[in-house]
């Protein structure tokens, strides 16, 4: 089981190359790719690509939101902000989904390293 961030999903569908794309390919082949719900929302929010992506990723498995998720996500984000580091709300929500399920995150986005260092997020 592994999760992917919006940055890597976007690169995957735009024909990008890199280690994250290889990880997504492998996870899809094994049926091991899961999306944090926020990633699905971000990916399908782009009007130009929505019609093409919805039939594909609309059926992918989502990491379930666990009880008290929102409270834990606020604590996780606050921990990073308290260190004087960048912690965008969508990133905190994505990180918390992965932390809750002990799932590594595939990403191209460097800001997730703060959640890795200070909050227990595993990066793929």
PDB file of N, CA and C in Angstrom:
ATOM      1  N   UNK A   1       0.850  -1.176   0.000  1.00  0.00           N
ATOM      2  CA  UNK A   1       0.000   0.000   0.000  1.00  0.00           C
ATOM      3  C   UNK A   1       0.892   1.234   0.000  1.00  0.00           C
ATOM      4  N   UNK A   2       0.610   2.140  -0.922  1.00  0.00           N
ATOM      5  CA  UNK A   2       1.372   3.375  -1.048  1.00  0.00           C
ATOM      6  C   UNK A   2       0.410   4.454  -1.565  1.00  0.00           C
ATOM      7  N   UNK A   3       0.695   5.702  -1.241  1.00  0.00           N
ATOM      8  CA  UNK A   3      -0.156   6.815  -1.665  1.00  0.00           C
ATOM      9  C   UNK A   3       0.636   7.747  -2.569  1.00  0.00           C
ATOM     10  N   UNK A   4      -0.085   8.550  -3.335  1.00  0.00           N
ATOM     11  CA  UNK A   4       0.566   9.513  -4.222  1.00  0.00           C
ATOM     12  C   UNK A   4      -0.013  10.900  -3.997  1.00  0.00           C
ATOM     13  N   UNK A   5       0.853  11.888  -4.107  1.00  0.00           N
ATOM     14  CA  UNK A   5       0.481  13.294  -3.990  1.00  0.00           C
ATOM     15  C   UNK A   5       0.050  13.818  -5.362  1.00  0.00           C
ATOM     16  N   UNK A   6      -0.639  14.933  -5.340  1.00  0.00           N
ATOM     17  CA  UNK A   6      -1.140  15.556  -6.562  1.00  0.00           C
ATOM     18  C   UNK A   6      -0.005  15.892  -7.534  1.00  0.00           C
ATOM     19  N   UNK A   7       1.135  16.320  -7.024  1.00  0.00           N
ATOM     20  CA  UNK A   7       2.251  16.681  -7.903  1.00  0.00           C
ATOM     21  C   UNK A   7       2.694  15.494  -8.750  1.00  0.00           C
ATOM     22  N   UNK A   8       2.757  14.326  -8.152  1.00  0.00           N
ATOM     23  CA  UNK A   8       3.176  13.130  -8.888  1.00  0.00           C
ATOM     24  C   UNK A   8       2.065  12.604  -9.787  1.00  0.00           C
ATOM     25  N   UNK A   9       0.829  12.699  -9.333  1.00  0.00           N
ATOM     26  CA  UNK A   9      -0.300  12.272 -10.169  1.00  0.00           C
ATOM     27  C   UNK A   9      -0.370  13.140 -11.422  1.00  0.00           C
ATOM     28  N   UNK A  10      -0.204  14.445 -11.254  1.00  0.00           N
ATOM     29  CA  UNK A  10      -0.228  15.359 -12.408  1.00  0.00           C
ATOM     30  C   UNK A  10       0.908  15.033 -13.374  1.00  0.00           C
ATOM     31  N   UNK A  11       2.095  14.781 -12.839  1.00  0.00           N
ATOM     32  CA  UNK A  11       3.237  14.437 -13.691  1.00  0.00           C
ATOM     33  C   UNK A  11       2.999  13.113 -14.416  1.00  0.00           C
ATOM     34  N   UNK A  12       2.404  12.166 -13.717  1.00  0.00           N
ATOM     35  CA  UNK A  12       2.105  10.862 -14.309  1.00  0.00           C
ATOM     36  C   UNK A  12       1.196  11.013 -15.528  1.00  0.00           C
ATOM     37  N   UNK A  13       0.145  11.791 -15.383  1.00  0.00           N
ATOM     38  CA  UNK A  13      -0.815  11.944 -16.475  1.00  0.00           C
ATOM     39  C   UNK A  13      -0.339  12.892 -17.574  1.00  0.00           C
ATOM     40  N   UNK A  14       0.671  13.679 -17.289  1.00  0.00           N
ATOM     41  CA  UNK A  14       1.201  14.562 -18.331  1.00  0.00           C
ATOM     42  C   UNK A  14       2.406  13.927 -19.040  1.00  0.00           C
ATOM     43  N   UNK A  15       2.689  12.667 -18.744  1.00  0.00           N
ATOM     44  CA  UNK A  15       3.780  11.962 -19.411  1.00  0.00           C
ATOM     45  C   UNK A  15       5.143  12.223 -18.818  1.00  0.00           C
ATOM     46  N   UNK A  16       5.171  12.686 -17.563  1.00  0.00           N
ATOM     47  CA  UNK A  16       6.435  12.959 -16.900  1.00  0.00           C
ATOM     48  C   UNK A  16       7.276  11.713 -16.696  1.00  0.00           C
ATOM     49  N   UNK A  17       8.506  11.949 -16.361  1.00  0.00           N
ATOM     50  CA  UNK A  17       9.437  10.852 -16.077  1.00  0.00           C
ATOM     51  C   UNK A  17      10.074  11.104 -14.720  1.00  0.00           C
ATOM     52  N   UNK A  18      10.515  10.055 -14.082  1.00  0.00           N
ATOM     53  CA  UNK A  18      11.206  10.177 -12.816  1.00  0.00           C
ATOM     54  C   UNK A  18      10.892   9.021 -11.903  1.00  0.00           C
ATOM     55  N   UNK A  19      11.573   8.983 -10.766  1.00  0.00           N
ATOM     56  CA  UNK A  19      11.373   7.875  -9.830  1.00  0.00           C
ATOM     57  C   UNK A  19       9.938   7.803  -9.306  1.00  0.00           C
ATOM     58  N   UNK A  20       9.294   8.954  -9.152  1.00  0.00           N
ATOM     59  CA  UNK A  20       7.918   8.938  -8.658  1.00  0.00           C
ATOM     60  C   UNK A  20       6.981   8.292  -9.674  1.00  0.00           C
ATOM     61  N   UNK A  21       7.228   8.516 -10.947  1.00  0.00           N
ATOM     62  CA  UNK A  21       6.397   7.924 -11.992  1.00  0.00           C
ATOM     63  C   UNK A  21       6.578   6.409 -12.010  1.00  0.00           C
ATOM     64  N   UNK A  22       7.811   5.966 -11.841  1.00  0.00           N
ATOM     65  CA  UNK A  22       8.076   4.522 -11.764  1.00  0.00           C
ATOM     66  C   UNK A  22       7.366   3.903 -10.561  1.00  0.00           C
ATOM     67  N   UNK A  23       7.373   4.604  -9.440  1.00  0.00           N
ATOM     68  CA  UNK A  23       6.679   4.096  -8.253  1.00  0.00           C
ATOM     69  C   UNK A  23       5.175   4.013  -8.476  1.00  0.00           C
ATOM     70  N   UNK A  24       4.609   5.013  -9.129  1.00  0.00           N
ATOM     71  CA  UNK A  24       3.171   4.975  -9.430  1.00  0.00           C
ATOM     72  C   UNK A  24       2.867   3.819 -10.373  1.00  0.00           C
ATOM     73  N   UNK A  25       3.664   3.654 -11.429  1.00  0.00           N
ATOM     74  CA  UNK A  25       3.468   2.531 -12.358  1.00  0.00           C
ATOM     75  C   UNK A  25       3.470   1.196 -11.614  1.00  0.00           C
ATOM     76  N   UNK A  26       4.465   1.019 -10.754  1.00  0.00           N
ATOM     77  CA  UNK A  26       4.569  -0.231 -10.003  1.00  0.00           C
ATOM     78  C   UNK A  26       3.399  -0.445  -9.061  1.00  0.00           C
ATOM     79  N   UNK A  27       2.999   0.612  -8.377  1.00  0.00           N
ATOM     80  CA  UNK A  27       1.880   0.500  -7.431  1.00  0.00           C
ATOM     81  C   UNK A  27       0.580   0.196  -8.165  1.00  0.00           C
ATOM     82  N   UNK A  28       0.376   0.822  -9.318  1.00  0.00           N
ATOM     83  CA  UNK A  28      -0.829   0.537 -10.101  1.00  0.00           C
ATOM     84  C   UNK A  28      -0.836  -0.905 -10.588  1.00  0.00           C
ATOM     85  N   UNK A  29       0.308  -1.384 -11.032  1.00  0.00           N
ATOM     86  CA  UNK A  29       0.410  -2.761 -11.524  1.00  0.00           C
ATOM     87  C   UNK A  29       0.111  -3.776 -10.420  1.00  0.00           C
ATOM     88  N   UNK A  30       0.474  -3.430  -9.181  1.00  0.00           N
ATOM     89  CA  UNK A  30       0.262  -4.326  -8.049  1.00  0.00           C
ATOM     90  C   UNK A  30      -1.072  -4.082  -7.343  1.00  0.00           C
ATOM     91  N   UNK A  31      -1.806  -3.081  -7.781  1.00  0.00           N
ATOM     92  CA  UNK A  31      -3.061  -2.742  -7.104  1.00  0.00           C
ATOM     93  C   UNK A  31      -2.833  -2.170  -5.725  1.00  0.00           C
ATOM     94  N   UNK A  32      -1.702  -1.497  -5.547  1.00  0.00           N
ATOM     95  CA  UNK A  32      -1.314  -1.011  -4.225  1.00  0.00           C
ATOM     96  C   UNK A  32      -1.426   0.507  -4.071  1.00  0.00           C
ATOM     97  N   UNK A  33      -1.886   1.218  -5.103  1.00  0.00           N
ATOM     98  CA  UNK A  33      -1.949   2.676  -5.024  1.00  0.00           C
ATOM     99  C   UNK A  33      -3.260   3.131  -4.398  1.00  0.00           C
ATOM    100  N   UNK A  34      -3.132   4.002  -3.410  1.00  0.00           N
ATOM    101  CA  UNK A  34      -4.271   4.617  -2.745  1.00  0.00           C
ATOM    102  C   UNK A  34      -4.087   6.130  -2.820  1.00  0.00           C
ATOM    103  N   UNK A  35      -5.184   6.853  -2.813  1.00  0.00           N
ATOM    104  CA  UNK A  35      -5.104   8.312  -2.818  1.00  0.00           C
ATOM    105  C   UNK A  35      -5.654   8.887  -1.528  1.00  0.00           C
ATOM    106  N   UNK A  36      -4.951   9.846  -0.940  1.00  0.00           N
ATOM    107  CA  UNK A  36      -5.583  10.638   0.102  1.00  0.00           C
ATOM    108  C   UNK A  36      -6.758  11.388  -0.539  1.00  0.00           C
ATOM    109  N   UNK A  37      -7.888  11.509   0.137  1.00  0.00           N
ATOM    110  CA  UNK A  37      -9.045  12.177  -0.470  1.00  0.00           C
ATOM    111  C   UNK A  37      -8.748  13.576  -1.012  1.00  0.00           C
ATOM    112  N   UNK A  38      -7.862  14.312  -0.355  1.00  0.00           N
ATOM    113  CA  UNK A  38      -7.530  15.658  -0.819  1.00  0.00           C
ATOM    114  C   UNK A  38      -6.852  15.606  -2.199  1.00  0.00           C
ATOM    115  N   UNK A  39      -6.080  14.569  -2.456  1.00  0.00           N
ATOM    116  CA  UNK A  39      -5.426  14.429  -3.763  1.00  0.00           C
ATOM    117  C   UNK A  39      -6.475  14.239  -4.851  1.00  0.00           C
ATOM    118  N   UNK A  40      -7.471  13.413  -4.594  1.00  0.00           N
ATOM    119  CA  UNK A  40      -8.537  13.231  -5.567  1.00  0.00           C
ATOM    120  C   UNK A  40      -9.226  14.568  -5.850  1.00  0.00           C
ATOM    121  N   UNK A  41      -9.506  15.312  -4.797  1.00  0.00           N
ATOM    122  CA  UNK A  41     -10.165  16.613  -4.947  1.00  0.00           C
ATOM    123  C   UNK A  41      -9.302  17.570  -5.763  1.00  0.00           C
ATOM    124  N   UNK A  42      -8.010  17.658  -5.433  1.00  0.00           N
ATOM    125  CA  UNK A  42      -7.118  18.557  -6.175  1.00  0.00           C
ATOM    126  C   UNK A  42      -7.014  18.143  -7.641  1.00  0.00           C
ATOM    127  N   UNK A  43      -6.834  16.856  -7.888  1.00  0.00           N
ATOM    128  CA  UNK A  43      -6.633  16.373  -9.251  1.00  0.00           C
ATOM    129  C   UNK A  43      -7.865  16.607 -10.122  1.00  0.00           C
ATOM    130  N   UNK A  44      -9.036  16.497  -9.535  1.00  0.00           N
ATOM    131  CA  UNK A  44     -10.269  16.658 -10.312  1.00  0.00           C
ATOM    132  C   UNK A  44     -10.801  18.087 -10.300  1.00  0.00           C
ATOM    133  N   UNK A  45     -10.072  19.007  -9.696  1.00  0.00           N
ATOM    134  CA  UNK A  45     -10.510  20.401  -9.630  1.00  0.00           C
ATOM    135  C   UNK A  45     -10.103  21.215 -10.845  1.00  0.00           C
ATOM    136  N   UNK A  46      -9.224  20.702 -11.654  1.00  0.00           N
ATOM    137  CA  UNK A  46      -8.786  21.410 -12.858  1.00  0.00           C
ATOM    138  C   UNK A  46      -9.814  21.176 -13.962  1.00  0.00           C
ATOM    139  N   UNK A  47     -10.566  22.198 -14.336  1.00  0.00           N
ATOM    140  CA  UNK A  47     -11.657  22.004 -15.300  1.00  0.00           C
ATOM    141  C   UNK A  47     -11.233  21.378 -16.633  1.00  0.00           C
ATOM    142  N   UNK A  48     -10.044  21.717 -17.134  1.00  0.00           N
ATOM    143  CA  UNK A  48      -9.616  21.211 -18.434  1.00  0.00           C
ATOM    144  C   UNK A  48      -9.293  19.722 -18.433  1.00  0.00           C
ATOM    145  N   UNK A  49      -8.835  19.193 -17.306  1.00  0.00           N
ATOM    146  CA  UNK A  49      -8.470  17.778 -17.264  1.00  0.00           C
ATOM    147  C   UNK A  49      -9.502  16.908 -16.550  1.00  0.00           C
ATOM    148  N   UNK A  50     -10.453  17.531 -15.898  1.00  0.00           N
ATOM    149  CA  UNK A  50     -11.441  16.783 -15.112  1.00  0.00           C
ATOM    150  C   UNK A  50     -12.156  15.694 -15.921  1.00  0.00           C
ATOM    151  N   UNK A  51     -12.656  16.043 -17.098  1.00  0.00           N
ATOM    152  CA  UNK A  51     -13.419  15.078 -17.894  1.00  0.00           C
ATOM    153  C   UNK A  51     -12.576  13.862 -18.271  1.00  0.00           C
ATOM    154  N   UNK A  52     -11.292  14.077 -18.526  1.00  0.00           N
ATOM    155  CA  UNK A  52     -10.412  12.961 -18.885  1.00  0.00           C
ATOM    156  C   UNK A  52      -9.997  12.132 -17.672  1.00  0.00           C
ATOM    157  N   UNK A  53      -9.772  12.788 -16.548  1.00  0.00           N
ATOM    158  CA  UNK A  53      -9.270  12.087 -15.364  1.00  0.00           C
ATOM    159  C   UNK A  53     -10.359  11.374 -14.567  1.00  0.00           C
ATOM    160  N   UNK A  54     -11.552  11.931 -14.527  1.00  0.00           N
ATOM    161  CA  UNK A  54     -12.606  11.354 -13.681  1.00  0.00           C
ATOM    162  C   UNK A  54     -12.860   9.879 -13.967  1.00  0.00           C
ATOM    163  N   UNK A  55     -12.973   9.451 -15.216  1.00  0.00           N
ATOM    164  CA  UNK A  55     -13.209   8.024 -15.446  1.00  0.00           C
ATOM    165  C   UNK A  55     -12.044   7.136 -15.014  1.00  0.00           C
ATOM    166  N   UNK A  56     -10.860   7.702 -14.933  1.00  0.00           N
ATOM    167  CA  UNK A  56      -9.678   6.911 -14.573  1.00  0.00           C
ATOM    168  C   UNK A  56      -9.497   6.885 -13.057  1.00  0.00           C
ATOM    169  N   UNK A  57      -9.310   8.062 -12.463  1.00  0.00           N
ATOM    170  CA  UNK A  57      -8.975   8.066 -11.031  1.00  0.00           C
ATOM    171  C   UNK A  57     -10.201   8.131 -10.132  1.00  0.00           C
ATOM    172  N   UNK A  58     -11.356   8.373 -10.696  1.00  0.00           N
ATOM    173  CA  UNK A  58     -12.572   8.400  -9.890  1.00  0.00           C
ATOM    174  C   UNK A  58     -12.854   7.075  -9.210  1.00  0.00           C
ATOM    175  N   UNK A  59     -12.321   6.002  -9.757  1.00  0.00           N
ATOM    176  CA  UNK A  59     -12.515   4.675  -9.166  1.00  0.00           C
ATOM    177  C   UNK A  59     -11.348   4.172  -8.334  1.00  0.00           C
ATOM    178  N   UNK A  60     -10.284   4.964  -8.238  1.00  0.00           N
ATOM    179  CA  UNK A  60      -9.143   4.536  -7.421  1.00  0.00           C
ATOM    180  C   UNK A  60      -9.521   4.550  -5.949  1.00  0.00           C
ATOM    181  N   UNK A  61      -8.875   3.713  -5.194  1.00  0.00           N
ATOM    182  CA  UNK A  61      -9.172   3.604  -3.767  1.00  0.00           C
ATOM    183  C   UNK A  61      -8.673   4.828  -3.006  1.00  0.00           C
ATOM    184  N   UNK A  62      -9.490   5.246  -2.050  1.00  0.00           N
ATOM    185  CA  UNK A  62      -9.151   6.385  -1.195  1.00  0.00           C
ATOM    186  C   UNK A  62      -8.810   5.904   0.200  1.00  0.00           C
ATOM    187  N   UNK A  63      -7.829   6.560   0.811  1.00  0.00           N
ATOM    188  CA  UNK A  63      -7.532   6.297   2.214  1.00  0.00           C
ATOM    189  C   UNK A  63      -8.712   6.805   3.034  1.00  0.00           C
ATOM    190  N   UNK A  64      -9.293   5.965   3.867  1.00  0.00           N
ATOM    191  CA  UNK A  64     -10.448   6.410   4.656  1.00  0.00           C
ATOM    192  C   UNK A  64     -10.068   7.498   5.665  1.00  0.00           C
ATOM    193  N   UNK A  65     -10.990   8.392   5.892  1.00  0.00           N
ATOM    194  CA  UNK A  65     -10.823   9.413   6.929  1.00  0.00           C
ATOM    195  C   UNK A  65     -11.192   8.758   8.260  1.00  0.00           C
ATOM    196  N   UNK A  66     -10.255   8.741   9.174  1.00  0.00           N
ATOM    197  CA  UNK A  66     -10.472   8.107  10.484  1.00  0.00           C
ATOM    198  C   UNK A  66     -11.048   9.109  11.480  1.00  0.00           C
ATOM    199  N   UNK A  67     -11.678   8.615  12.546  1.00  0.00           N
ATOM    200  CA  UNK A  67     -12.198   9.534  13.570  1.00  0.00           C
ATOM    201  C   UNK A  67     -11.108  10.466  14.095  1.00  0.00           C
ATOM    202  N   UNK A  68     -11.477  11.696  14.332  1.00  0.00           N
ATOM    203  CA  UNK A  68     -10.604  12.757  14.840  1.00  0.00           C
ATOM    204  C   UNK A  68      -9.491  13.151  13.866  1.00  0.00           C
ATOM    205  N   UNK A  69      -9.646  12.773  12.615  1.00  0.00           N
ATOM    206  CA  UNK A  69      -8.677  13.128  11.567  1.00  0.00           C
ATOM    207  C   UNK A  69      -8.422  14.631  11.531  1.00  0.00           C
ATOM    208  N   UNK A  70      -9.487  15.413  11.546  1.00  0.00           N
ATOM    209  CA  UNK A  70      -9.351  16.863  11.405  1.00  0.00           C
ATOM    210  C   UNK A  70      -8.578  17.463  12.567  1.00  0.00           C
ATOM    211  N   UNK A  71      -8.795  16.941  13.749  1.00  0.00           N
ATOM    212  CA  UNK A  71      -8.057  17.411  14.922  1.00  0.00           C
ATOM    213  C   UNK A  71      -6.577  17.049  14.807  1.00  0.00           C
ATOM    214  N   UNK A  72      -6.301  15.802  14.419  1.00  0.00           N
ATOM    215  CA  UNK A  72      -4.898  15.387  14.252  1.00  0.00           C
ATOM    216  C   UNK A  72      -4.214  16.189  13.155  1.00  0.00           C
ATOM    217  N   UNK A  73      -4.925  16.457  12.060  1.00  0.00           N
ATOM    218  CA  UNK A  73      -4.340  17.244  10.967  1.00  0.00           C
ATOM    219  C   UNK A  73      -3.992  18.652  11.443  1.00  0.00           C
ATOM    220  N   UNK A  74      -4.837  19.231  12.286  1.00  0.00           N
ATOM    221  CA  UNK A  74      -4.535  20.574  12.806  1.00  0.00           C
ATOM    222  C   UNK A  74      -3.306  20.538  13.709  1.00  0.00           C
ATOM    223  N   UNK A  75      -3.174  19.474  14.482  1.00  0.00           N
ATOM    224  CA  UNK A  75      -2.001  19.330  15.358  1.00  0.00           C
ATOM    225  C   UNK A  75      -0.730  19.136  14.532  1.00  0.00           C
ATOM    226  N   UNK A  76      -0.823  18.332  13.495  1.00  0.00           N
ATOM    227  CA  UNK A  76       0.318  18.087  12.611  1.00  0.00           C
ATOM    228  C   UNK A  76       0.765  19.385  11.940  1.00  0.00           C
ATOM    229  N   UNK A  77      -0.193  20.117  11.410  1.00  0.00           N
ATOM    230  CA  UNK A  77       0.136  21.383  10.749  1.00  0.00           C
ATOM    231  C   UNK A  77       0.722  22.382  11.735  1.00  0.00           C
ATOM    232  N   UNK A  78       0.137  22.462  12.921  1.00  0.00           N
ATOM    233  CA  UNK A  78       0.628  23.386  13.951  1.00  0.00           C
ATOM    234  C   UNK A  78       2.069  23.053  14.342  1.00  0.00           C
ATOM    235  N   UNK A  79       2.408  21.766  14.402  1.00  0.00           N
ATOM    236  CA  UNK A  79       3.763  21.351  14.761  1.00  0.00           C
ATOM    237  C   UNK A  79       4.773  21.872  13.738  1.00  0.00           C
ATOM    238  N   UNK A  80       4.431  21.800  12.461  1.00  0.00           N
ATOM    239  CA  UNK A  80       5.341  22.278  11.410  1.00  0.00           C
ATOM    240  C   UNK A  80       5.418  23.805  11.422  1.00  0.00           C
ATOM    241  N   UNK A  81       4.291  24.455  11.556  1.00  0.00           N
ATOM    242  CA  UNK A  81       4.269  25.923  11.597  1.00  0.00           C
ATOM    243  C   UNK A  81       5.062  26.443  12.791  1.00  0.00           C
ATOM    244  N   UNK A  82       4.961  25.755  13.923  1.00  0.00           N
ATOM    245  CA  UNK A  82       5.689  26.175  15.126  1.00  0.00           C
ATOM    246  C   UNK A  82       7.204  26.154  14.917  1.00  0.00           C
ATOM    247  N   UNK A  83       7.659  25.352  13.971  1.00  0.00           N
ATOM    248  CA  UNK A  83       9.093  25.299  13.641  1.00  0.00           C
ATOM    249  C   UNK A  83       9.476  26.405  12.656  1.00  0.00           C
ATOM    250  N   UNK A  84       8.498  27.222  12.262  1.00  0.00           N
ATOM    251  CA  UNK A  84       8.754  28.291  11.305  1.00  0.00           C
ATOM    252  C   UNK A  84       8.843  27.802   9.867  1.00  0.00           C
ATOM    253  N   UNK A  85       8.245  26.642   9.603  1.00  0.00           N
ATOM    254  CA  UNK A  85       8.321  26.025   8.286  1.00  0.00           C
ATOM    255  C   UNK A  85       6.988  26.134   7.554  1.00  0.00           C
ATOM    256  N   UNK A  86       7.043  25.999   6.259  1.00  0.00           N
ATOM    257  CA  UNK A  86       5.839  26.064   5.430  1.00  0.00           C
ATOM    258  C   UNK A  86       4.998  24.807   5.628  1.00  0.00           C
ATOM    259  N   UNK A  87       3.705  25.022   5.845  1.00  0.00           N
ATOM    260  CA  UNK A  87       2.775  23.909   6.035  1.00  0.00           C
ATOM    261  C   UNK A  87       1.428  24.297   5.432  1.00  0.00           C
ATOM    262  N   UNK A  88       1.323  24.154   4.106  1.00  0.00           N
ATOM    263  CA  UNK A  88       0.057  24.483   3.461  1.00  0.00           C
ATOM    264  C   UNK A  88      -1.023  23.507   3.933  1.00  0.00           C
ATOM    265  N   UNK A  89      -2.241  23.998   4.022  1.00  0.00           N
ATOM    266  CA  UNK A  89      -3.337  23.176   4.525  1.00  0.00           C
ATOM    267  C   UNK A  89      -3.530  21.892   3.715  1.00  0.00           C
ATOM    268  N   UNK A  90      -3.584  21.942   2.381  1.00  0.00           N
ATOM    269  CA  UNK A  90      -3.751  20.676   1.656  1.00  0.00           C
ATOM    270  C   UNK A  90      -2.624  19.680   1.930  1.00  0.00           C
ATOM    271  N   UNK A  91      -1.402  20.183   2.072  1.00  0.00           N
ATOM    272  CA  UNK A  91      -0.278  19.297   2.363  1.00  0.00           C
ATOM    273  C   UNK A  91      -0.442  18.634   3.728  1.00  0.00           C
ATOM    274  N   UNK A  92      -0.890  19.398   4.704  1.00  0.00           N
ATOM    275  CA  UNK A  92      -1.106  18.839   6.042  1.00  0.00           C
ATOM    276  C   UNK A  92      -2.186  17.763   6.012  1.00  0.00           C
ATOM    277  N   UNK A  93      -3.231  17.987   5.245  1.00  0.00           N
ATOM    278  CA  UNK A  93      -4.314  17.008   5.151  1.00  0.00           C
ATOM    279  C   UNK A  93      -3.847  15.735   4.446  1.00  0.00           C
ATOM    280  N   UNK A  94      -3.063  15.891   3.391  1.00  0.00           N
ATOM    281  CA  UNK A  94      -2.509  14.737   2.687  1.00  0.00           C
ATOM    282  C   UNK A  94      -1.552  13.971   3.603  1.00  0.00           C
ATOM    283  N   UNK A  95      -0.667  14.701   4.265  1.00  0.00           N
ATOM    284  CA  UNK A  95       0.285  14.066   5.179  1.00  0.00           C
ATOM    285  C   UNK A  95      -0.450  13.305   6.278  1.00  0.00           C
ATOM    286  N   UNK A  96      -1.484  13.904   6.853  1.00  0.00           N
ATOM    287  CA  UNK A  96      -2.197  13.250   7.948  1.00  0.00           C
ATOM    288  C   UNK A  96      -2.878  11.963   7.495  1.00  0.00           C
ATOM    289  N   UNK A  97      -3.443  11.972   6.283  1.00  0.00           N
ATOM    290  CA  UNK A  97      -4.046  10.741   5.753  1.00  0.00           C
ATOM    291  C   UNK A  97      -3.017   9.616   5.698  1.00  0.00           C
ATOM    292  N   UNK A  98      -1.821   9.938   5.225  1.00  0.00           N
ATOM    293  CA  UNK A  98      -0.766   8.931   5.117  1.00  0.00           C
ATOM    294  C   UNK A  98      -0.254   8.506   6.490  1.00  0.00           C
ATOM    295  N   UNK A  99      -0.072   9.458   7.383  1.00  0.00           N
ATOM    296  CA  UNK A  99       0.394   9.143   8.739  1.00  0.00           C
ATOM    297  C   UNK A  99      -0.605   8.219   9.429  1.00  0.00           C
ATOM    298  N   UNK A 100      -1.892   8.544   9.314  1.00  0.00           N
ATOM    299  CA  UNK A 100      -2.924   7.730   9.965  1.00  0.00           C
ATOM    300  C   UNK A 100      -2.885   6.277   9.539  1.00  0.00           C
ATOM    301  N   UNK A 101      -2.529   6.030   8.273  1.00  0.00           N
ATOM    302  CA  UNK A 101      -2.556   4.666   7.747  1.00  0.00           C
ATOM    303  C   UNK A 101      -1.164   4.042   7.636  1.00  0.00           C
ATOM    304  N   UNK A 102      -0.131   4.779   8.058  1.00  0.00           N
ATOM    305  CA  UNK A 102       1.232   4.250   7.984  1.00  0.00           C
ATOM    306  C   UNK A 102       1.668   3.987   6.551  1.00  0.00           C
ATOM    307  N   UNK A 103       1.212   4.836   5.627  1.00  0.00           N
ATOM    308  CA  UNK A 103       1.463   4.656   4.204  1.00  0.00           C
ATOM    309  C   UNK A 103       2.497   5.677   3.734  1.00  0.00           C
ATOM    310  N   UNK A 104       3.455   5.228   2.944  1.00  0.00           N
ATOM    311  CA  UNK A 104       4.441   6.142   2.363  1.00  0.00           C
ATOM    312  C   UNK A 104       3.788   6.963   1.265  1.00  0.00           C
ATOM    313  N   UNK A 105       4.288   8.184   1.087  1.00  0.00           N
ATOM    314  CA  UNK A 105       3.748   9.108   0.096  1.00  0.00           C
ATOM    315  C   UNK A 105       4.732   9.304  -1.045  1.00  0.00           C
ATOM    316  N   UNK A 106       4.251   9.109  -2.263  1.00  0.00           N
ATOM    317  CA  UNK A 106       5.007   9.424  -3.471  1.00  0.00           C
ATOM    318  C   UNK A 106       4.734  10.897  -3.775  1.00  0.00           C
ATOM    319  N   UNK A 107       5.789  11.703  -3.910  1.00  0.00           N
ATOM    320  CA  UNK A 107       5.593  13.124  -4.179  1.00  0.00           C
ATOM    321  C   UNK A 107       6.800  13.731  -4.872  1.00  0.00           C
ATOM    322  N   UNK A 108       6.564  14.823  -5.570  1.00  0.00           N
ATOM    323  CA  UNK A 108       7.620  15.660  -6.133  1.00  0.00           C
ATOM    324  C   UNK A 108       7.762  16.937  -5.321  1.00  0.00           C
ATOM    325  N   UNK A 109       6.923  17.121  -4.356  1.00  0.00           N
ATOM    326  CA  UNK A 109       6.776  18.371  -3.618  1.00  0.00           C
ATOM    327  C   UNK A 109       7.684  18.346  -2.380  1.00  0.00           C
ATOM    328  N   UNK A 110       8.676  19.227  -2.343  1.00  0.00           N
ATOM    329  CA  UNK A 110       9.669  19.227  -1.257  1.00  0.00           C
ATOM    330  C   UNK A 110       9.114  19.626   0.107  1.00  0.00           C
ATOM    331  N   UNK A 111       7.999  20.353   0.154  1.00  0.00           N
ATOM    332  CA  UNK A 111       7.480  20.776   1.458  1.00  0.00           C
ATOM    333  C   UNK A 111       7.040  19.606   2.333  1.00  0.00           C
ATOM    334  N   UNK A 112       6.808  18.434   1.753  1.00  0.00           N
ATOM    335  CA  UNK A 112       6.421  17.282   2.562  1.00  0.00           C
ATOM    336  C   UNK A 112       7.561  16.797   3.456  1.00  0.00           C
ATOM    337  N   UNK A 113       8.796  17.206   3.143  1.00  0.00           N
ATOM    338  CA  UNK A 113       9.922  16.773   3.986  1.00  0.00           C
ATOM    339  C   UNK A 113       9.776  17.305   5.410  1.00  0.00           C
ATOM    340  N   UNK A 114       9.082  18.444   5.585  1.00  0.00           N
ATOM    341  CA  UNK A 114       8.856  18.978   6.932  1.00  0.00           C
ATOM    342  C   UNK A 114       7.945  18.050   7.735  1.00  0.00           C
ATOM    343  N   UNK A 115       6.956  17.486   7.072  1.00  0.00           N
ATOM    344  CA  UNK A 115       6.053  16.545   7.740  1.00  0.00           C
ATOM    345  C   UNK A 115       6.770  15.228   8.012  1.00  0.00           C
ATOM    346  N   UNK A 116       7.722  14.893   7.157  1.00  0.00           N
ATOM    347  CA  UNK A 116       8.523  13.694   7.385  1.00  0.00           C
ATOM    348  C   UNK A 116       9.421  13.886   8.613  1.00  0.00           C
ATOM    349  N   UNK A 117      10.103  15.000   8.664  1.00  0.00           N
ATOM    350  CA  UNK A 117      11.068  15.250   9.734  1.00  0.00           C
ATOM    351  C   UNK A 117      10.410  15.456  11.094  1.00  0.00           C
ATOM    352  N   UNK A 118       9.271  16.128  11.119  1.00  0.00           N
ATOM    353  CA  UNK A 118       8.696  16.540  12.406  1.00  0.00           C
ATOM    354  C   UNK A 118       7.421  15.808  12.800  1.00  0.00           C
ATOM    355  N   UNK A 119       6.823  15.023  11.889  1.00  0.00           N
ATOM    356  CA  UNK A 119       5.504  14.464  12.197  1.00  0.00           C
ATOM    357  C   UNK A 119       5.362  12.970  11.923  1.00  0.00           C
ATOM    358  N   UNK A 120       6.380  12.346  11.391  1.00  0.00           N
ATOM    359  CA  UNK A 120       6.313  10.899  11.168  1.00  0.00           C
ATOM    360  C   UNK A 120       5.807  10.478   9.809  1.00  0.00           C
ATOM    361  N   UNK A 121       5.640  11.397   8.865  1.00  0.00           N
ATOM    362  CA  UNK A 121       5.258  11.016   7.513  1.00  0.00           C
ATOM    363  C   UNK A 121       6.391  10.206   6.880  1.00  0.00           C
ATOM    364  N   UNK A 122       6.030   9.153   6.167  1.00  0.00           N
ATOM    365  CA  UNK A 122       7.008   8.375   5.414  1.00  0.00           C
ATOM    366  C   UNK A 122       6.937   8.818   3.954  1.00  0.00           C
ATOM    367  N   UNK A 123       8.093   9.156   3.391  1.00  0.00           N
ATOM    368  CA  UNK A 123       8.141   9.496   1.977  1.00  0.00           C
ATOM    369  C   UNK A 123       8.722   8.326   1.192  1.00  0.00           C
ATOM    370  N   UNK A 124       8.132   8.066   0.013  1.00  0.00           N
ATOM    371  CA  UNK A 124       8.594   6.937  -0.808  1.00  0.00           C
ATOM    372  C   UNK A 124       9.875   7.326  -1.531  1.00  0.00           C
TER     373      UNK A 124
END
